[in-house]
């Protein structure tokens, strides 16, 4: 998926994904030349890793 499609899938802004590509903490991505692509399986894995069971749970940090 292209970054804008991926951002929509994750319900995030395109800018958030761009920032994460630069500083880390986001889902894995691939580059073909200058183009960035995300696989749906990587996006799903990213969401699964951040899943919480209750409000006292701590989400993984983006650092």
N, C-alpha and C. Protein backbone atom coordinates (compact mmCIF):
# COMPACT_ATOMS: atom_id res chain seq x y z
N UNK A 1 0.84 -1.17 0.00
CA UNK A 1 0.00 0.00 0.00
C UNK A 1 0.89 1.24 0.00
N UNK A 2 0.39 2.28 -0.63
CA UNK A 2 1.09 3.55 -0.60
C UNK A 2 0.89 4.20 0.78
N UNK A 3 1.75 5.16 1.14
CA UNK A 3 1.65 5.77 2.48
C UNK A 3 0.28 6.38 2.79
N UNK A 4 -0.35 7.06 1.86
CA UNK A 4 -1.66 7.65 2.16
C UNK A 4 -2.71 6.58 2.43
N UNK A 5 -2.68 5.50 1.65
CA UNK A 5 -3.61 4.39 1.90
C UNK A 5 -3.33 3.74 3.25
N UNK A 6 -2.06 3.60 3.56
CA UNK A 6 -1.66 2.99 4.83
C UNK A 6 -2.09 3.85 6.01
N UNK A 7 -1.92 5.15 5.89
CA UNK A 7 -2.35 6.06 6.95
C UNK A 7 -3.86 5.96 7.17
N UNK A 8 -4.59 5.89 6.09
CA UNK A 8 -6.05 5.75 6.21
C UNK A 8 -6.40 4.43 6.88
N UNK A 9 -5.72 3.36 6.51
CA UNK A 9 -5.95 2.03 7.09
C UNK A 9 -5.72 2.07 8.60
N UNK A 10 -4.66 2.78 9.03
CA UNK A 10 -4.32 2.86 10.44
C UNK A 10 -5.07 3.98 11.18
N UNK A 11 -5.83 4.76 10.42
CA UNK A 11 -6.54 5.92 10.96
C UNK A 11 -5.58 6.91 11.59
N UNK A 12 -4.51 7.18 10.86
CA UNK A 12 -3.49 8.15 11.25
C UNK A 12 -3.32 9.15 10.13
N UNK A 13 -2.62 10.22 10.40
CA UNK A 13 -2.32 11.16 9.33
C UNK A 13 -1.12 10.68 8.52
N UNK A 14 -1.09 11.11 7.28
CA UNK A 14 0.04 10.81 6.41
C UNK A 14 1.33 11.35 7.03
N UNK A 15 1.23 12.52 7.67
CA UNK A 15 2.39 13.15 8.29
C UNK A 15 2.95 12.30 9.44
N UNK A 16 2.08 11.63 10.18
CA UNK A 16 2.54 10.77 11.28
C UNK A 16 3.38 9.63 10.74
N UNK A 17 2.93 8.99 9.67
CA UNK A 17 3.73 7.91 9.09
C UNK A 17 5.06 8.43 8.56
N UNK A 18 5.05 9.60 7.95
CA UNK A 18 6.28 10.19 7.44
C UNK A 18 7.25 10.47 8.58
N UNK A 19 6.74 10.98 9.69
CA UNK A 19 7.59 11.25 10.85
C UNK A 19 8.17 9.95 11.39
N UNK A 20 7.34 8.94 11.52
CA UNK A 20 7.82 7.66 12.03
C UNK A 20 8.88 7.06 11.11
N UNK A 21 8.76 7.24 9.80
CA UNK A 21 9.81 6.74 8.89
C UNK A 21 11.13 7.44 9.17
N UNK A 22 11.06 8.69 9.57
CA UNK A 22 12.27 9.46 9.80
C UNK A 22 12.88 9.20 11.18
N UNK A 23 12.05 9.09 12.21
CA UNK A 23 12.57 8.95 13.57
C UNK A 23 12.43 7.53 14.14
N UNK A 24 11.68 6.67 13.47
CA UNK A 24 11.47 5.31 13.96
C UNK A 24 10.19 5.20 14.78
N UNK A 25 9.82 3.98 15.10
CA UNK A 25 8.66 3.74 15.94
C UNK A 25 7.41 3.34 15.20
N UNK A 26 7.41 3.41 13.90
CA UNK A 26 6.23 3.06 13.12
C UNK A 26 6.33 1.67 12.53
N UNK A 27 5.38 1.34 11.68
CA UNK A 27 5.39 0.02 11.04
C UNK A 27 6.53 -0.11 10.04
N UNK A 28 6.93 -1.34 9.77
CA UNK A 28 7.95 -1.61 8.77
C UNK A 28 7.46 -1.18 7.40
N UNK A 29 8.38 -0.79 6.55
CA UNK A 29 8.03 -0.37 5.19
C UNK A 29 9.13 -0.77 4.24
N UNK A 30 8.83 -0.71 2.97
CA UNK A 30 9.79 -1.02 1.91
C UNK A 30 9.94 0.17 1.00
N UNK A 31 11.11 0.28 0.39
CA UNK A 31 11.33 1.35 -0.59
C UNK A 31 11.73 0.71 -1.91
N UNK A 32 11.11 1.18 -2.96
CA UNK A 32 11.48 0.80 -4.32
C UNK A 32 11.86 2.10 -5.01
N UNK A 33 13.16 2.34 -5.15
CA UNK A 33 13.61 3.63 -5.62
C UNK A 33 13.28 4.65 -4.55
N UNK A 34 12.56 5.68 -4.92
CA UNK A 34 12.17 6.70 -3.94
C UNK A 34 10.76 6.48 -3.40
N UNK A 35 10.09 5.43 -3.87
CA UNK A 35 8.71 5.18 -3.44
C UNK A 35 8.66 4.30 -2.21
N UNK A 36 7.75 4.64 -1.31
CA UNK A 36 7.56 3.92 -0.05
C UNK A 36 6.29 3.10 -0.13
N UNK A 37 6.37 1.86 0.37
CA UNK A 37 5.22 0.97 0.39
C UNK A 37 5.15 0.25 1.73
N UNK A 38 3.92 0.00 2.18
CA UNK A 38 3.67 -0.77 3.39
C UNK A 38 2.88 -2.01 2.99
N UNK A 39 3.22 -3.15 3.58
CA UNK A 39 2.40 -4.35 3.35
C UNK A 39 1.30 -4.38 4.41
N UNK A 40 0.16 -4.90 4.03
CA UNK A 40 -0.95 -4.97 4.98
C UNK A 40 -0.57 -5.86 6.15
N UNK A 41 0.20 -6.91 5.91
CA UNK A 41 0.59 -7.80 7.01
C UNK A 41 1.49 -7.06 8.01
N UNK A 42 2.35 -6.15 7.54
CA UNK A 42 3.18 -5.36 8.45
C UNK A 42 2.33 -4.36 9.24
N UNK A 43 1.34 -3.77 8.58
CA UNK A 43 0.45 -2.85 9.28
C UNK A 43 -0.36 -3.59 10.35
N UNK A 44 -0.84 -4.79 10.00
CA UNK A 44 -1.60 -5.58 10.97
C UNK A 44 -0.72 -6.00 12.15
N UNK A 45 0.54 -6.36 11.87
CA UNK A 45 1.47 -6.74 12.94
C UNK A 45 1.75 -5.55 13.85
N UNK A 46 1.87 -4.37 13.26
CA UNK A 46 2.09 -3.15 14.04
C UNK A 46 0.91 -2.90 14.97
N UNK A 47 -0.31 -3.04 14.46
CA UNK A 47 -1.50 -2.86 15.28
C UNK A 47 -1.58 -3.92 16.39
N UNK A 48 -1.29 -5.15 16.04
CA UNK A 48 -1.36 -6.24 17.01
C UNK A 48 -0.36 -6.02 18.15
N UNK A 49 0.83 -5.53 17.82
CA UNK A 49 1.86 -5.30 18.84
C UNK A 49 1.46 -4.18 19.81
N UNK A 50 0.56 -3.31 19.39
CA UNK A 50 0.15 -2.18 20.21
C UNK A 50 -1.19 -2.43 20.90
N UNK A 51 -1.71 -3.63 20.80
CA UNK A 51 -3.01 -3.96 21.39
C UNK A 51 -2.90 -4.02 22.91
N UNK A 52 -3.89 -3.42 23.58
CA UNK A 52 -3.95 -3.40 25.04
C UNK A 52 -5.18 -4.15 25.52
N UNK A 53 -5.07 -4.74 26.71
CA UNK A 53 -6.19 -5.49 27.28
C UNK A 53 -7.01 -4.67 28.26
N UNK A 54 -6.41 -3.64 28.84
CA UNK A 54 -7.12 -2.78 29.78
C UNK A 54 -6.38 -1.46 29.89
N UNK A 55 -6.99 -0.50 30.53
CA UNK A 55 -6.42 0.86 30.57
C UNK A 55 -5.14 0.94 31.39
N UNK A 56 -4.90 0.00 32.28
CA UNK A 56 -3.66 0.02 33.06
C UNK A 56 -2.48 -0.53 32.27
N UNK A 57 -2.75 -1.14 31.12
CA UNK A 57 -1.67 -1.66 30.28
C UNK A 57 -0.88 -0.49 29.71
N UNK A 58 0.37 -0.71 29.43
CA UNK A 58 1.20 0.33 28.84
C UNK A 58 1.45 -0.04 27.39
N UNK A 59 1.18 0.91 26.51
CA UNK A 59 1.47 0.72 25.09
C UNK A 59 2.96 0.79 24.88
N UNK A 60 3.48 0.08 23.87
CA UNK A 60 4.90 0.18 23.55
C UNK A 60 5.24 1.63 23.19
N UNK A 61 6.41 2.06 23.59
CA UNK A 61 6.82 3.44 23.25
C UNK A 61 7.32 3.49 21.83
N UNK A 62 7.33 4.68 21.26
CA UNK A 62 7.79 4.87 19.89
C UNK A 62 9.27 5.23 19.85
N UNK A 63 9.99 5.02 20.93
CA UNK A 63 11.39 5.38 20.99
C UNK A 63 12.26 4.24 20.58
